[in-house]
C-alpha atoms as a PDB file:
ATOM      1  CA  MET A   1       2.578 -20.489  -3.590  1.00  0.00           C
ATOM      2  CA  THR A   2       6.247 -20.860  -4.534  1.00  0.00           C
ATOM      3  CA  LYS A   3       7.839 -24.262  -3.929  1.00  0.00           C
ATOM      4  CA  ASP A   4      10.927 -24.427  -1.755  1.00  0.00           C
ATOM      5  CA  PRO A   5      13.214 -27.226  -2.975  1.00  0.00           C
ATOM      6  CA  TRP A   6      14.824 -27.425   0.479  1.00  0.00           C
ATOM      7  CA  THR A   7      11.531 -28.534   2.050  1.00  0.00           C
ATOM      8  CA  ASP A   8       9.750 -30.084  -0.957  1.00  0.00           C
ATOM      9  CA  SER A   9       9.387 -33.850  -0.590  1.00  0.00           C
ATOM     10  CA  ASP A  10      10.089 -34.251  -4.325  1.00  0.00           C
ATOM     11  CA  PRO A  11      12.721 -31.749  -5.507  1.00  0.00           C
ATOM     12  CA  LYS A  12      13.276 -31.621  -9.264  1.00  0.00           C
ATOM     13  CA  PRO A  13      16.461 -31.540 -11.338  1.00  0.00           C
ATOM     14  CA  GLY A  14      17.803 -28.007 -11.439  1.00  0.00           C
ATOM     15  CA  ASP A  15      16.150 -26.914  -8.175  1.00  0.00           C
ATOM     16  CA  PHE A  16      19.537 -26.420  -6.508  1.00  0.00           C
ATOM     17  CA  ASP A  17      21.513 -25.133  -9.499  1.00  0.00           C
ATOM     18  CA  ALA A  18      21.621 -21.531  -8.231  1.00  0.00           C
ATOM     19  CA  ASP A  19      22.882 -22.720  -4.832  1.00  0.00           C
ATOM     20  CA  LEU A  20      25.537 -24.926  -6.411  1.00  0.00           C
ATOM     21  CA  GLU A  21      26.775 -22.083  -8.604  1.00  0.00           C
ATOM     22  CA  ARG A  22      27.630 -20.086  -5.457  1.00  0.00           C
ATOM     23  CA  ILE A  23      29.831 -22.891  -4.089  1.00  0.00           C
ATOM     24  CA  ASP A  24      33.524 -22.926  -4.878  1.00  0.00           C
ATOM     25  CA  PRO A  25      33.897 -25.617  -7.600  1.00  0.00           C
ATOM     26  CA  ARG A  26      36.716 -27.248  -5.621  1.00  0.00           C
ATOM     27  CA  TYR A  27      34.078 -28.502  -3.181  1.00  0.00           C
ATOM     28  CA  VAL A  28      31.566 -29.885  -5.706  1.00  0.00           C
ATOM     29  CA  GLU A  29      31.383 -33.393  -7.105  1.00  0.00           C
ATOM     30  CA  VAL A  30      28.740 -34.170  -9.722  1.00  0.00           C
ATOM     31  CA  HIS A  31      27.263 -37.671  -9.804  1.00  0.00           C
ATOM     32  CA  GLU A  32      24.308 -39.238 -11.552  1.00  0.00           C
ATOM     33  CA  GLY A  33      21.255 -39.528  -9.313  1.00  0.00           C
ATOM     34  CA  HIS A  34      20.094 -42.861  -7.935  1.00  0.00           C
ATOM     35  CA  HIS A  35      16.634 -43.599  -6.557  1.00  0.00           C
ATOM     36  CA  ASP A  36      18.044 -45.695  -3.691  1.00  0.00           C
ATOM     37  CA  ALA A  37      20.571 -43.051  -2.648  1.00  0.00           C
ATOM     38  CA  ARG A  38      20.792 -42.045   1.003  1.00  0.00           C
ATOM     39  CA  MET A  39      22.520 -39.187   2.697  1.00  0.00           C
ATOM     40  CA  THR A  40      24.438 -39.519   5.938  1.00  0.00           C
ATOM     41  CA  VAL A  41      25.165 -36.473   8.071  1.00  0.00           C
ATOM     42  CA  LEU A  42      27.816 -36.780  10.770  1.00  0.00           C
ATOM     43  CA  PHE A  43      28.012 -34.391  13.675  1.00  0.00           C
ATOM     44  CA  SER A  44      29.711 -34.327  17.013  1.00  0.00           C
ATOM     45  CA  MET A  45      28.057 -33.644  20.339  1.00  0.00           C
ATOM     46  CA  GLU A  46      29.542 -33.844  23.803  1.00  0.00           C
ATOM     47  CA  GLY A  47      28.949 -32.876  27.376  1.00  0.00           C
ATOM     48  CA  GLU A  48      25.515 -32.122  28.767  1.00  0.00           C
ATOM     49  CA  ASP A  49      23.861 -32.023  25.335  1.00  0.00           C
ATOM     50  CA  ALA A  50      25.127 -35.525  24.505  1.00  0.00           C
ATOM     51  CA  GLU A  51      23.990 -36.840  27.886  1.00  0.00           C
ATOM     52  CA  ARG A  52      20.588 -35.213  27.420  1.00  0.00           C
ATOM     53  CA  LEU A  53      20.204 -36.809  23.979  1.00  0.00           C
ATOM     54  CA  GLU A  54      21.195 -40.234  25.302  1.00  0.00           C
ATOM     55  CA  ARG A  55      18.652 -39.879  28.137  1.00  0.00           C
ATOM     56  CA  ILE A  56      15.875 -38.932  25.711  1.00  0.00           C
ATOM     57  CA  ALA A  57      16.745 -41.905  23.491  1.00  0.00           C
ATOM     58  CA  ALA A  58      16.723 -44.296  26.462  1.00  0.00           C
ATOM     59  CA  GLU A  59      13.384 -42.953  27.698  1.00  0.00           C
ATOM     60  CA  ARG A  60      11.846 -43.376  24.238  1.00  0.00           C
ATOM     61  CA  GLY A  61      13.465 -46.747  23.635  1.00  0.00           C
ATOM     62  CA  GLN A  62      14.863 -45.437  20.355  1.00  0.00           C
ATOM     63  CA  PRO A  63      18.344 -45.191  18.873  1.00  0.00           C
ATOM     64  CA  VAL A  64      19.877 -41.720  19.076  1.00  0.00           C
ATOM     65  CA  ASP A  65      19.631 -41.197  15.285  1.00  0.00           C
ATOM     66  CA  GLU A  66      15.858 -41.733  15.370  1.00  0.00           C
ATOM     67  CA  VAL A  67      15.491 -39.249  18.226  1.00  0.00           C
ATOM     68  CA  VAL A  68      17.508 -36.654  16.282  1.00  0.00           C
ATOM     69  CA  ALA A  69      15.323 -37.236  13.190  1.00  0.00           C
ATOM     70  CA  ASP A  70      12.161 -36.825  15.305  1.00  0.00           C
ATOM     71  CA  LEU A  71      13.507 -33.623  16.878  1.00  0.00           C
ATOM     72  CA  LEU A  72      14.347 -32.185  13.447  1.00  0.00           C
ATOM     73  CA  ARG A  73      10.892 -33.008  12.055  1.00  0.00           C
ATOM     74  CA  ASP A  74       9.256 -31.489  15.135  1.00  0.00           C
ATOM     75  CA  ALA A  75      11.373 -28.319  14.859  1.00  0.00           C
ATOM     76  CA  GLU A  76      10.460 -27.986  11.181  1.00  0.00           C
ATOM     77  CA  ARG A  77       6.741 -28.280  11.966  1.00  0.00           C
ATOM     78  CA  HIS A  78       7.068 -25.465  14.506  1.00  0.00           C
ATOM     79  CA  THR A  79       8.791 -23.135  12.026  1.00  0.00           C
ATOM     80  CA  ALA A  80       6.276 -23.733   9.223  1.00  0.00           C
END
């Protein structure tokens, strides 16, 4: 079975080289890796979707970011 670096829990150096080569170099910054590195993704949500997410978080007693992470993991399990 072929590994998919986008879903592999331990991607290796070079796994994303082909993807990076397709990106305009103006938008790429190369940095040394760091084992404690974290990635933050910011997105905006408003209206009924935002209210729905806040309600779900309140019902679960979780912060919104944890609910979003749970929803993403659950969606990934359903597509696998």
